Amino acid sequence: MKILKVFVLPLLFVAATGLQAMATSPSTKGQDLRNEIVSMVDGIDLSSLDGDSEKVTIEFLVNAKKELVVLNIEDSQISKQILHLLDRRKVKTEGIAMNKLFILPITFNKN
C-alpha cells in the first residue's frame, strides 16, 4: 500500500494534469478582438503627430451589450480621436469575456 501512495498516485496526478493541459488550446478570441479594434482606428488622422510614431495604451472592457467601454487612454496627441472612434462601439467578435479589463497597446506609424 505504501508503494501505491509513493509512486503510483503521483504518477497518476502528473498524467492527469498533462492531459488537461493538452486538452485546452489557446484561444484566438483575444487576437480577433484586437484585429477588430485596430481596424476601427485604422483611418485615424496622424498628421498631428510630432514624431513618426506614437504608442498608445488603451484600457477598456466589453459590456453586456457587446459595446467597447473605454476606461483609460494613455495621454497622447491622438487620444481624443481614439476615444471618439472606440467608446460605445459594438464589437462583432463572439465569445469575449464580459466586463473584463483589457489592456491594448497600439503603435501608430505615420508612414
PDB file of N, CA and C in Angstrom:
ATOM      1  N   MET A   1       0.821  -1.196   0.000  1.00  0.00           N
ATOM      2  CA  MET A   1       0.000   0.000   0.000  1.00  0.00           C
ATOM      3  C   MET A   1       0.866   1.262   0.000  1.00  0.00           C
ATOM      4  N   LYS A   2       1.996   1.178   0.707  1.00  0.00           N
ATOM      5  CA  LYS A   2       2.895   2.323   0.769  1.00  0.00           C
ATOM      6  C   LYS A   2       3.480   2.623  -0.616  1.00  0.00           C
ATOM      7  N   ILE A   3       3.777   1.576  -1.384  1.00  0.00           N
ATOM      8  CA  ILE A   3       4.309   1.760  -2.737  1.00  0.00           C
ATOM      9  C   ILE A   3       3.276   2.474  -3.607  1.00  0.00           C
ATOM     10  N   LEU A   4       2.020   2.131  -3.441  1.00  0.00           N
ATOM     11  CA  LEU A   4       0.951   2.778  -4.191  1.00  0.00           C
ATOM     12  C   LEU A   4       0.902   4.271  -3.891  1.00  0.00           C
ATOM     13  N   LYS A   5       1.003   4.631  -2.639  1.00  0.00           N
ATOM     14  CA  LYS A   5       0.954   6.041  -2.251  1.00  0.00           C
ATOM     15  C   LYS A   5       2.163   6.818  -2.740  1.00  0.00           C
ATOM     16  N   VAL A   6       3.313   6.203  -2.700  1.00  0.00           N
ATOM     17  CA  VAL A   6       4.558   6.905  -3.025  1.00  0.00           C
ATOM     18  C   VAL A   6       4.772   7.037  -4.528  1.00  0.00           C
ATOM     19  N   PHE A   7       4.481   6.016  -5.295  1.00  0.00           N
ATOM     20  CA  PHE A   7       4.829   6.023  -6.708  1.00  0.00           C
ATOM     21  C   PHE A   7       3.647   6.184  -7.666  1.00  0.00           C
ATOM     22  N   VAL A   8       2.600   5.446  -7.447  1.00  0.00           N
ATOM     23  CA  VAL A   8       1.519   5.387  -8.423  1.00  0.00           C
ATOM     24  C   VAL A   8       0.626   6.630  -8.366  1.00  0.00           C
ATOM     25  N   LEU A   9       0.249   7.066  -7.197  1.00  0.00           N
ATOM     26  CA  LEU A   9      -0.630   8.230  -7.102  1.00  0.00           C
ATOM     27  C   LEU A   9       0.003   9.507  -7.667  1.00  0.00           C
ATOM     28  N   PRO A  10       1.269   9.819  -7.360  1.00  0.00           N
ATOM     29  CA  PRO A  10       1.880  10.993  -8.013  1.00  0.00           C
ATOM     30  C   PRO A  10       1.972  10.841  -9.529  1.00  0.00           C
ATOM     31  N   LEU A  11       2.228   9.630  -9.994  1.00  0.00           N
ATOM     32  CA  LEU A  11       2.286   9.388 -11.430  1.00  0.00           C
ATOM     33  C   LEU A  11       0.937   9.637 -12.094  1.00  0.00           C
ATOM     34  N   LEU A  12      -0.125   9.175 -11.463  1.00  0.00           N
ATOM     35  CA  LEU A  12      -1.473   9.435 -11.987  1.00  0.00           C
ATOM     36  C   LEU A  12      -1.797  10.928 -11.971  1.00  0.00           C
ATOM     37  N   PHE A  13      -1.372  11.621 -10.937  1.00  0.00           N
ATOM     38  CA  PHE A  13      -1.610  13.065 -10.849  1.00  0.00           C
ATOM     39  C   PHE A  13      -0.907  13.807 -11.981  1.00  0.00           C
ATOM     40  N   VAL A  14       0.350  13.456 -12.236  1.00  0.00           N
ATOM     41  CA  VAL A  14       1.111  14.102 -13.318  1.00  0.00           C
ATOM     42  C   VAL A  14       0.480  13.798 -14.670  1.00  0.00           C
ATOM     43  N   ALA A  15       0.060  12.568 -14.869  1.00  0.00           N
ATOM     44  CA  ALA A  15      -0.561  12.193 -16.137  1.00  0.00           C
ATOM     45  C   ALA A  15      -1.879  12.936 -16.349  1.00  0.00           C
ATOM     46  N   ALA A  16      -2.674  13.073 -15.298  1.00  0.00           N
ATOM     47  CA  ALA A  16      -3.967  13.760 -15.420  1.00  0.00           C
ATOM     48  C   ALA A  16      -3.787  15.236 -15.712  1.00  0.00           C
ATOM     49  N   THR A  17      -2.829  15.876 -15.068  1.00  0.00           N
ATOM     50  CA  THR A  17      -2.620  17.311 -15.330  1.00  0.00           C
ATOM     51  C   THR A  17      -2.024  17.522 -16.711  1.00  0.00           C
ATOM     52  N   GLY A  18      -1.211  16.592 -17.178  1.00  0.00           N
ATOM     53  CA  GLY A  18      -0.653  16.697 -18.529  1.00  0.00           C
ATOM     54  C   GLY A  18      -1.728  16.586 -19.591  1.00  0.00           C
ATOM     55  N   LEU A  19      -2.677  15.687 -19.396  1.00  0.00           N
ATOM     56  CA  LEU A  19      -3.782  15.538 -20.349  1.00  0.00           C
ATOM     57  C   LEU A  19      -4.680  16.767 -20.345  1.00  0.00           C
ATOM     58  N   GLN A  20      -4.882  17.348 -19.186  1.00  0.00           N
ATOM     59  CA  GLN A  20      -5.716  18.543 -19.097  1.00  0.00           C
ATOM     60  C   GLN A  20      -5.057  19.712 -19.815  1.00  0.00           C
ATOM     61  N   ALA A  21      -3.751  19.835 -19.693  1.00  0.00           N
ATOM     62  CA  ALA A  21      -3.033  20.920 -20.357  1.00  0.00           C
ATOM     63  C   ALA A  21      -3.093  20.768 -21.870  1.00  0.00           C
ATOM     64  N   MET A  22      -3.059  19.537 -22.365  1.00  0.00           N
ATOM     65  CA  MET A  22      -3.134  19.323 -23.801  1.00  0.00           C
ATOM     66  C   MET A  22      -4.540  19.543 -24.328  1.00  0.00           C
ATOM     67  N   ALA A  23      -5.554  19.359 -23.495  1.00  0.00           N
ATOM     68  CA  ALA A  23      -6.939  19.494 -23.945  1.00  0.00           C
ATOM     69  C   ALA A  23      -7.330  20.944 -24.166  1.00  0.00           C
ATOM     70  N   THR A  24      -6.700  21.878 -23.483  1.00  0.00           N
ATOM     71  CA  THR A  24      -7.050  23.289 -23.634  1.00  0.00           C
ATOM     72  C   THR A  24      -6.151  23.908 -24.694  1.00  0.00           C
ATOM     73  N   SER A  25      -6.748  24.403 -25.740  1.00  0.00           N
ATOM     74  CA  SER A  25      -5.979  25.046 -26.795  1.00  0.00           C
ATOM     75  C   SER A  25      -6.051  26.562 -26.611  1.00  0.00           C
ATOM     76  N   PRO A  26      -5.031  27.281 -27.039  1.00  0.00           N
ATOM     77  CA  PRO A  26      -5.058  28.727 -26.890  1.00  0.00           C
ATOM     78  C   PRO A  26      -6.174  29.349 -27.726  1.00  0.00           C
ATOM     79  N   SER A  27      -6.813  30.323 -27.162  1.00  0.00           N
ATOM     80  CA  SER A  27      -7.956  30.953 -27.813  1.00  0.00           C
ATOM     81  C   SER A  27      -7.492  32.082 -28.730  1.00  0.00           C
ATOM     82  N   THR A  28      -8.179  32.232 -29.840  1.00  0.00           N
ATOM     83  CA  THR A  28      -7.858  33.324 -30.755  1.00  0.00           C
ATOM     84  C   THR A  28      -8.841  34.477 -30.601  1.00  0.00           C
ATOM     85  N   LYS A  29      -9.728  34.390 -29.615  1.00  0.00           N
ATOM     86  CA  LYS A  29     -10.729  35.437 -29.441  1.00  0.00           C
ATOM     87  C   LYS A  29     -10.082  36.777 -29.121  1.00  0.00           C
ATOM     88  N   GLY A  30      -9.052  36.763 -28.289  1.00  0.00           N
ATOM     89  CA  GLY A  30      -8.349  37.999 -27.948  1.00  0.00           C
ATOM     90  C   GLY A  30      -7.698  38.622 -29.165  1.00  0.00           C
ATOM     91  N   GLN A  31      -7.101  37.792 -30.011  1.00  0.00           N
ATOM     92  CA  GLN A  31      -6.467  38.299 -31.230  1.00  0.00           C
ATOM     93  C   GLN A  31      -7.527  38.815 -32.208  1.00  0.00           C
ATOM     94  N   ASP A  32      -8.671  38.150 -32.279  1.00  0.00           N
ATOM     95  CA  ASP A  32      -9.752  38.624 -33.149  1.00  0.00           C
ATOM     96  C   ASP A  32     -10.271  39.977 -32.681  1.00  0.00           C
ATOM     97  N   LEU A  33     -10.414  40.139 -31.362  1.00  0.00           N
ATOM     98  CA  LEU A  33     -10.865  41.420 -30.816  1.00  0.00           C
ATOM     99  C   LEU A  33      -9.841  42.505 -31.098  1.00  0.00           C
ATOM    100  N   ARG A  34      -8.563  42.187 -30.942  1.00  0.00           N
ATOM    101  CA  ARG A  34      -7.506  43.167 -31.220  1.00  0.00           C
ATOM    102  C   ARG A  34      -7.558  43.599 -32.681  1.00  0.00           C
ATOM    103  N   ASN A  35      -7.692  42.639 -33.590  1.00  0.00           N
ATOM    104  CA  ASN A  35      -7.763  42.965 -35.018  1.00  0.00           C
ATOM    105  C   ASN A  35      -8.968  43.840 -35.332  1.00  0.00           C
ATOM    106  N   GLU A  36     -10.096  43.575 -34.669  1.00  0.00           N
ATOM    107  CA  GLU A  36     -11.296  44.382 -34.900  1.00  0.00           C
ATOM    108  C   GLU A  36     -11.085  45.827 -34.419  1.00  0.00           C
ATOM    109  N   ILE A  37     -10.450  45.982 -33.262  1.00  0.00           N
ATOM    110  CA  ILE A  37     -10.196  47.327 -32.735  1.00  0.00           C
ATOM    111  C   ILE A  37      -9.193  48.070 -33.610  1.00  0.00           C
ATOM    112  N   VAL A  38      -8.161  47.376 -34.070  1.00  0.00           N
ATOM    113  CA  VAL A  38      -7.177  48.010 -34.952  1.00  0.00           C
ATOM    114  C   VAL A  38      -7.846  48.477 -36.238  1.00  0.00           C
ATOM    115  N   SER A  39      -8.788  47.701 -36.764  1.00  0.00           N
ATOM    116  CA  SER A  39      -9.486  48.132 -37.981  1.00  0.00           C
ATOM    117  C   SER A  39     -10.378  49.345 -37.712  1.00  0.00           C
ATOM    118  N   MET A  40     -10.888  49.478 -36.485  1.00  0.00           N
ATOM    119  CA  MET A  40     -11.714  50.643 -36.143  1.00  0.00           C
ATOM    120  C   MET A  40     -10.894  51.930 -36.111  1.00  0.00           C
ATOM    121  N   VAL A  41      -9.649  51.852 -35.667  1.00  0.00           N
ATOM    122  CA  VAL A  41      -8.821  53.053 -35.548  1.00  0.00           C
ATOM    123  C   VAL A  41      -7.848  53.196 -36.711  1.00  0.00           C
ATOM    124  N   ASP A  42      -8.016  52.378 -37.729  1.00  0.00           N
ATOM    125  CA  ASP A  42      -7.094  52.380 -38.861  1.00  0.00           C
ATOM    126  C   ASP A  42      -7.095  53.711 -39.619  1.00  0.00           C
ATOM    127  N   GLY A  43      -8.216  54.358 -39.729  1.00  0.00           N
ATOM    128  CA  GLY A  43      -8.299  55.587 -40.503  1.00  0.00           C
ATOM    129  C   GLY A  43      -8.048  56.861 -39.709  1.00  0.00           C
ATOM    130  N   ILE A  44      -7.373  56.766 -38.588  1.00  0.00           N
ATOM    131  CA  ILE A  44      -7.141  57.928 -37.731  1.00  0.00           C
ATOM    132  C   ILE A  44      -6.196  58.907 -38.420  1.00  0.00           C
ATOM    133  N   ASP A  45      -6.427  60.193 -38.222  1.00  0.00           N
ATOM    134  CA  ASP A  45      -5.592  61.240 -38.813  1.00  0.00           C
ATOM    135  C   ASP A  45      -4.323  61.393 -37.981  1.00  0.00           C
ATOM    136  N   LEU A  46      -3.186  61.051 -38.573  1.00  0.00           N
ATOM    137  CA  LEU A  46      -1.909  61.095 -37.867  1.00  0.00           C
ATOM    138  C   LEU A  46      -1.089  62.339 -38.202  1.00  0.00           C
ATOM    139  N   SER A  47      -1.676  63.300 -38.880  1.00  0.00           N
ATOM    140  CA  SER A  47      -0.935  64.495 -39.261  1.00  0.00           C
ATOM    141  C   SER A  47      -0.551  65.356 -38.058  1.00  0.00           C
ATOM    142  N   SER A  48      -1.251  65.186 -36.929  1.00  0.00           N
ATOM    143  CA  SER A  48      -0.947  65.989 -35.748  1.00  0.00           C
ATOM    144  C   SER A  48       0.213  65.437 -34.920  1.00  0.00           C
ATOM    145  N   LEU A  49       0.732  64.263 -35.297  1.00  0.00           N
ATOM    146  CA  LEU A  49       1.841  63.671 -34.549  1.00  0.00           C
ATOM    147  C   LEU A  49       3.125  64.447 -34.784  1.00  0.00           C
ATOM    148  N   ASP A  50       3.886  64.647 -33.716  1.00  0.00           N
ATOM    149  CA  ASP A  50       5.173  65.333 -33.825  1.00  0.00           C
ATOM    150  C   ASP A  50       6.230  64.415 -34.425  1.00  0.00           C
ATOM    151  N   GLY A  51       6.269  63.181 -33.988  1.00  0.00           N
ATOM    152  CA  GLY A  51       7.255  62.225 -34.480  1.00  0.00           C
ATOM    153  C   GLY A  51       6.699  61.339 -35.564  1.00  0.00           C
ATOM    154  N   ASP A  52       7.432  60.263 -35.863  1.00  0.00           N
ATOM    155  CA  ASP A  52       6.999  59.321 -36.891  1.00  0.00           C
ATOM    156  C   ASP A  52       6.022  58.283 -36.362  1.00  0.00           C
ATOM    157  N   SER A  53       6.058  58.056 -35.040  1.00  0.00           N
ATOM    158  CA  SER A  53       5.168  57.050 -34.470  1.00  0.00           C
ATOM    159  C   SER A  53       4.724  57.464 -33.075  1.00  0.00           C
ATOM    160  N   GLU A  54       3.656  56.842 -32.625  1.00  0.00           N
ATOM    161  CA  GLU A  54       3.091  57.111 -31.296  1.00  0.00           C
ATOM    162  C   GLU A  54       2.553  55.802 -30.749  1.00  0.00           C
ATOM    163  N   LYS A  55       2.975  55.435 -29.536  1.00  0.00           N
ATOM    164  CA  LYS A  55       2.457  54.240 -28.883  1.00  0.00           C
ATOM    165  C   LYS A  55       1.423  54.673 -27.856  1.00  0.00           C
ATOM    166  N   VAL A  56       0.234  54.085 -27.950  1.00  0.00           N
ATOM    167  CA  VAL A  56      -0.878  54.425 -27.069  1.00  0.00           C
ATOM    168  C   VAL A  56      -1.376  53.147 -26.409  1.00  0.00           C
ATOM    169  N   THR A  57      -1.599  53.196 -25.103  1.00  0.00           N
ATOM    170  CA  THR A  57      -2.155  52.066 -24.375  1.00  0.00           C
ATOM    171  C   THR A  57      -3.608  52.378 -24.031  1.00  0.00           C
ATOM    172  N   ILE A  58      -4.507  51.483 -24.417  1.00  0.00           N
ATOM    173  CA  ILE A  58      -5.938  51.668 -24.207  1.00  0.00           C
ATOM    174  C   ILE A  58      -6.419  50.625 -23.202  1.00  0.00           C
ATOM    175  N   GLU A  59      -7.129  51.073 -22.173  1.00  0.00           N
ATOM    176  CA  GLU A  59      -7.750  50.170 -21.209  1.00  0.00           C
ATOM    177  C   GLU A  59      -9.250  50.221 -21.442  1.00  0.00           C
ATOM    178  N   PHE A  60      -9.855  49.065 -21.640  1.00  0.00           N
ATOM    179  CA  PHE A  60     -11.281  49.024 -21.957  1.00  0.00           C
ATOM    180  C   PHE A  60     -11.881  47.722 -21.458  1.00  0.00           C
ATOM    181  N   LEU A  61     -13.195  47.656 -21.519  1.00  0.00           N
ATOM    182  CA  LEU A  61     -13.921  46.424 -21.259  1.00  0.00           C
ATOM    183  C   LEU A  61     -15.049  46.330 -22.260  1.00  0.00           C
ATOM    184  N   VAL A  62     -15.618  45.147 -22.360  1.00  0.00           N
ATOM    185  CA  VAL A  62     -16.768  44.913 -23.233  1.00  0.00           C
ATOM    186  C   VAL A  62     -17.956  44.653 -22.321  1.00  0.00           C
ATOM    187  N   ASN A  63     -19.013  45.476 -22.457  1.00  0.00           N
ATOM    188  CA  ASN A  63     -20.178  45.322 -21.576  1.00  0.00           C
ATOM    189  C   ASN A  63     -21.137  44.260 -22.116  1.00  0.00           C
ATOM    190  N   ALA A  64     -22.245  44.086 -21.434  1.00  0.00           N
ATOM    191  CA  ALA A  64     -23.215  43.046 -21.801  1.00  0.00           C
ATOM    192  C   ALA A  64     -23.867  43.301 -23.164  1.00  0.00           C
ATOM    193  N   LYS A  65     -23.863  44.547 -23.617  1.00  0.00           N
ATOM    194  CA  LYS A  65     -24.423  44.880 -24.929  1.00  0.00           C
ATOM    195  C   LYS A  65     -23.394  44.722 -26.049  1.00  0.00           C
ATOM    196  N   LYS A  66     -22.220  44.145 -25.714  1.00  0.00           N
ATOM    197  CA  LYS A  66     -21.103  43.968 -26.643  1.00  0.00           C
ATOM    198  C   LYS A  66     -20.580  45.300 -27.160  1.00  0.00           C
ATOM    199  N   GLU A  67     -20.554  46.304 -26.288  1.00  0.00           N
ATOM    200  CA  GLU A  67     -20.001  47.606 -26.624  1.00  0.00           C
ATOM    201  C   GLU A  67     -18.660  47.769 -25.929  1.00  0.00           C
ATOM    202  N   LEU A  68     -17.741  48.428 -26.619  1.00  0.00           N
ATOM    203  CA  LEU A  68     -16.471  48.768 -26.004  1.00  0.00           C
ATOM    204  C   LEU A  68     -16.686  49.939 -25.062  1.00  0.00           C
ATOM    205  N   VAL A  69     -16.225  49.829 -23.840  1.00  0.00           N
ATOM    206  CA  VAL A  69     -16.283  50.930 -22.884  1.00  0.00           C
ATOM    207  C   VAL A  69     -14.838  51.292 -22.566  1.00  0.00           C
ATOM    208  N   VAL A  70     -14.394  52.429 -23.089  1.00  0.00           N
ATOM    209  CA  VAL A  70     -13.017  52.868 -22.881  1.00  0.00           C
ATOM    210  C   VAL A  70     -12.906  53.438 -21.479  1.00  0.00           C
ATOM    211  N   LEU A  71     -12.018  52.859 -20.672  1.00  0.00           N
ATOM    212  CA  LEU A  71     -11.825  53.304 -19.302  1.00  0.00           C
ATOM    213  C   LEU A  71     -10.689  54.303 -19.185  1.00  0.00           C
ATOM    214  N   ASN A  72      -9.632  54.088 -19.950  1.00  0.00           N
ATOM    215  CA  ASN A  72      -8.475  54.967 -19.868  1.00  0.00           C
ATOM    216  C   ASN A  72      -7.687  54.868 -21.164  1.00  0.00           C
ATOM    217  N   ILE A  73      -7.189  56.007 -21.612  1.00  0.00           N
ATOM    218  CA  ILE A  73      -6.285  56.048 -22.753  1.00  0.00           C
ATOM    219  C   ILE A  73      -5.067  56.839 -22.315  1.00  0.00           C
ATOM    220  N   GLU A  74      -3.914  56.271 -22.570  1.00  0.00           N
ATOM    221  CA  GLU A  74      -2.672  56.972 -22.260  1.00  0.00           C
ATOM    222  C   GLU A  74      -2.688  58.325 -22.970  1.00  0.00           C
ATOM    223  N   ASP A  75      -2.364  59.365 -22.244  1.00  0.00           N
ATOM    224  CA  ASP A  75      -2.421  60.719 -22.794  1.00  0.00           C
ATOM    225  C   ASP A  75      -1.458  60.858 -23.974  1.00  0.00           C
ATOM    226  N   SER A  76      -2.007  61.203 -25.116  1.00  0.00           N
ATOM    227  CA  SER A  76      -1.203  61.405 -26.319  1.00  0.00           C
ATOM    228  C   SER A  76      -1.896  62.434 -27.199  1.00  0.00           C
ATOM    229  N   GLN A  77      -1.274  62.717 -28.316  1.00  0.00           N
ATOM    230  CA  GLN A  77      -1.819  63.705 -29.237  1.00  0.00           C
ATOM    231  C   GLN A  77      -3.061  63.195 -29.963  1.00  0.00           C
ATOM    232  N   ILE A  78      -3.242  61.902 -30.028  1.00  0.00           N
ATOM    233  CA  ILE A  78      -4.370  61.339 -30.763  1.00  0.00           C
ATOM    234  C   ILE A  78      -5.366  60.620 -29.857  1.00  0.00           C
ATOM    235  N   SER A  79      -5.251  60.787 -28.546  1.00  0.00           N
ATOM    236  CA  SER A  79      -6.123  60.044 -27.622  1.00  0.00           C
ATOM    237  C   SER A  79      -7.592  60.442 -27.768  1.00  0.00           C
ATOM    238  N   LYS A  80      -7.885  61.705 -28.055  1.00  0.00           N
ATOM    239  CA  LYS A  80      -9.280  62.123 -28.238  1.00  0.00           C
ATOM    240  C   LYS A  80      -9.895  61.472 -29.474  1.00  0.00           C
ATOM    241  N   GLN A  81      -9.105  61.352 -30.520  1.00  0.00           N
ATOM    242  CA  GLN A  81      -9.605  60.696 -31.734  1.00  0.00           C
ATOM    243  C   GLN A  81      -9.902  59.221 -31.480  1.00  0.00           C
ATOM    244  N   ILE A  82      -9.017  58.578 -30.734  1.00  0.00           N
ATOM    245  CA  ILE A  82      -9.205  57.162 -30.414  1.00  0.00           C
ATOM    246  C   ILE A  82     -10.462  56.979 -29.566  1.00  0.00           C
ATOM    247  N   LEU A  83     -10.617  57.838 -28.564  1.00  0.00           N
ATOM    248  CA  LEU A  83     -11.803  57.760 -27.705  1.00  0.00           C
ATOM    249  C   LEU A  83     -13.072  57.926 -28.528  1.00  0.00           C
ATOM    250  N   HIS A  84     -13.075  58.866 -29.439  1.00  0.00           N
ATOM    251  CA  HIS A  84     -14.239  59.118 -30.288  1.00  0.00           C
ATOM    252  C   HIS A  84     -14.555  57.905 -31.174  1.00  0.00           C
ATOM    253  N   LEU A  85     -13.521  57.225 -31.670  1.00  0.00           N
ATOM    254  CA  LEU A  85     -13.730  56.087 -32.566  1.00  0.00           C
ATOM    255  C   LEU A  85     -14.128  54.803 -31.843  1.00  0.00           C
ATOM    256  N   LEU A  86     -13.702  54.633 -30.584  1.00  0.00           N
ATOM    257  CA  LEU A  86     -13.899  53.354 -29.908  1.00  0.00           C
ATOM    258  C   LEU A  86     -15.007  53.332 -28.871  1.00  0.00           C
ATOM    259  N   ASP A  87     -15.196  54.407 -28.125  1.00  0.00           N
ATOM    260  CA  ASP A  87     -16.110  54.366 -26.983  1.00  0.00           C
ATOM    261  C   ASP A  87     -17.543  54.091 -27.431  1.00  0.00           C
ATOM    262  N   ARG A  88     -18.142  53.083 -26.819  1.00  0.00           N
ATOM    263  CA  ARG A  88     -19.527  52.631 -27.051  1.00  0.00           C
ATOM    264  C   ARG A  88     -19.745  52.066 -28.452  1.00  0.00           C
ATOM    265  N   ARG A  89     -18.682  51.626 -29.132  1.00  0.00           N
ATOM    266  CA  ARG A  89     -18.815  50.954 -30.426  1.00  0.00           C
ATOM    267  C   ARG A  89     -19.076  49.485 -30.196  1.00  0.00           C
ATOM    268  N   LYS A  90     -19.996  48.908 -30.929  1.00  0.00           N
ATOM    269  CA  LYS A  90     -20.302  47.482 -30.816  1.00  0.00           C
ATOM    270  C   LYS A  90     -19.204  46.667 -31.499  1.00  0.00           C
ATOM    271  N   VAL A  91     -18.910  45.510 -30.895  1.00  0.00           N
ATOM    272  CA  VAL A  91     -17.933  44.601 -31.475  1.00  0.00           C
ATOM    273  C   VAL A  91     -18.648  43.365 -32.005  1.00  0.00           C
ATOM    274  N   LYS A  92     -18.064  42.757 -33.028  1.00  0.00           N
ATOM    275  CA  LYS A  92     -18.671  41.593 -33.666  1.00  0.00           C
ATOM    276  C   LYS A  92     -18.042  40.287 -33.194  1.00  0.00           C
ATOM    277  N   THR A  93     -16.887  40.357 -32.553  1.00  0.00           N
ATOM    278  CA  THR A  93     -16.183  39.161 -32.113  1.00  0.00           C
ATOM    279  C   THR A  93     -17.008  38.429 -31.061  1.00  0.00           C
ATOM    280  N   GLU A  94     -17.211  37.139 -31.273  1.00  0.00           N
ATOM    281  CA  GLU A  94     -18.034  36.329 -30.370  1.00  0.00           C
ATOM    282  C   GLU A  94     -17.182  35.706 -29.266  1.00  0.00           C
ATOM    283  N   GLY A  95     -17.817  35.445 -28.133  1.00  0.00           N
ATOM    284  CA  GLY A  95     -17.175  34.710 -27.052  1.00  0.00           C
ATOM    285  C   GLY A  95     -16.199  35.501 -26.212  1.00  0.00           C
ATOM    286  N   ILE A  96     -16.335  36.806 -26.188  1.00  0.00           N
ATOM    287  CA  ILE A  96     -15.430  37.650 -25.400  1.00  0.00           C
ATOM    288  C   ILE A  96     -15.929  37.698 -23.959  1.00  0.00           C
ATOM    289  N   ALA A  97     -15.001  37.691 -23.023  1.00  0.00           N
ATOM    290  CA  ALA A  97     -15.364  37.803 -21.608  1.00  0.00           C
ATOM    291  C   ALA A  97     -15.961  39.183 -21.355  1.00  0.00           C
ATOM    292  N   MET A  98     -17.143  39.207 -20.775  1.00  0.00           N
ATOM    293  CA  MET A  98     -17.820  40.464 -20.493  1.00  0.00           C
ATOM    294  C   MET A  98     -17.297  41.073 -19.194  1.00  0.00           C
ATOM    295  N   ASN A  99     -17.207  42.390 -19.173  1.00  0.00           N
ATOM    296  CA  ASN A  99     -16.795  43.169 -18.003  1.00  0.00           C
ATOM    297  C   ASN A  99     -15.420  42.760 -17.482  1.00  0.00           C
ATOM    298  N   LYS A 100     -14.551  42.339 -18.369  1.00  0.00           N
ATOM    299  CA  LYS A 100     -13.178  42.005 -18.024  1.00  0.00           C
ATOM    300  C   LYS A 100     -12.286  43.124 -18.556  1.00  0.00           C
ATOM    301  N   LEU A 101     -11.321  43.546 -17.753  1.00  0.00           N
ATOM    302  CA  LEU A 101     -10.413  44.612 -18.160  1.00  0.00           C
ATOM    303  C   LEU A 101      -9.447  44.104 -19.220  1.00  0.00           C
ATOM    304  N   PHE A 102      -9.378  44.809 -20.337  1.00  0.00           N
ATOM    305  CA  PHE A 102      -8.423  44.522 -21.399  1.00  0.00           C
ATOM    306  C   PHE A 102      -7.469  45.697 -21.496  1.00  0.00           C
ATOM    307  N   ILE A 103      -6.198  45.417 -21.707  1.00  0.00           N
ATOM    308  CA  ILE A 103      -5.188  46.455 -21.916  1.00  0.00           C
ATOM    309  C   ILE A 103      -4.571  46.188 -23.275  1.00  0.00           C
ATOM    310  N   LEU A 104      -4.685  47.177 -24.161  1.00  0.00           N
ATOM    311  CA  LEU A 104      -4.242  47.007 -25.537  1.00  0.00           C
ATOM    312  C   LEU A 104      -3.262  48.107 -25.927  1.00  0.00           C
ATOM    313  N   PRO A 105      -1.984  47.776 -26.115  1.00  0.00           N
ATOM    314  CA  PRO A 105      -1.045  48.765 -26.629  1.00  0.00           C
ATOM    315  C   PRO A 105      -1.085  48.753 -28.170  1.00  0.00           C
ATOM    316  N   ILE A 106      -1.172  49.939 -28.745  1.00  0.00           N
ATOM    317  CA  ILE A 106      -1.179  50.076 -30.212  1.00  0.00           C
ATOM    318  C   ILE A 106      -0.127  51.113 -30.587  1.00  0.00           C
ATOM    319  N   THR A 107       0.653  50.813 -31.603  1.00  0.00           N
ATOM    320  CA  THR A 107       1.635  51.759 -32.125  1.00  0.00           C
ATOM    321  C   THR A 107       1.134  52.273 -33.458  1.00  0.00           C
ATOM    322  N   PHE A 108       1.005  53.599 -33.562  1.00  0.00           N
ATOM    323  CA  PHE A 108       0.568  54.257 -34.796  1.00  0.00           C
ATOM    324  C   PHE A 108       1.800  54.796 -35.511  1.00  0.00           C
ATOM    325  N   ASN A 109       1.959  54.446 -36.781  1.00  0.00           N
ATOM    326  CA  ASN A 109       3.078  54.924 -37.600  1.00  0.00           C
ATOM    327  C   ASN A 109       2.566  55.884 -38.659  1.00  0.00           C
ATOM    328  N   LYS A 110       3.287  56.982 -38.852  1.00  0.00           N
ATOM    329  CA  LYS A 110       2.864  57.983 -39.836  1.00  0.00           C
ATOM    330  C   LYS A 110       2.978  57.490 -41.269  1.00  0.00           C
ATOM    331  N   ASN A 111       3.997  56.742 -41.579  1.00  0.00           N
ATOM    332  CA  ASN A 111       4.237  56.360 -42.970  1.00  0.00           C
ATOM    333  C   ASN A 111       3.359  55.259 -43.384  1.00  0.00           C
TER     334      ASN A 111
END
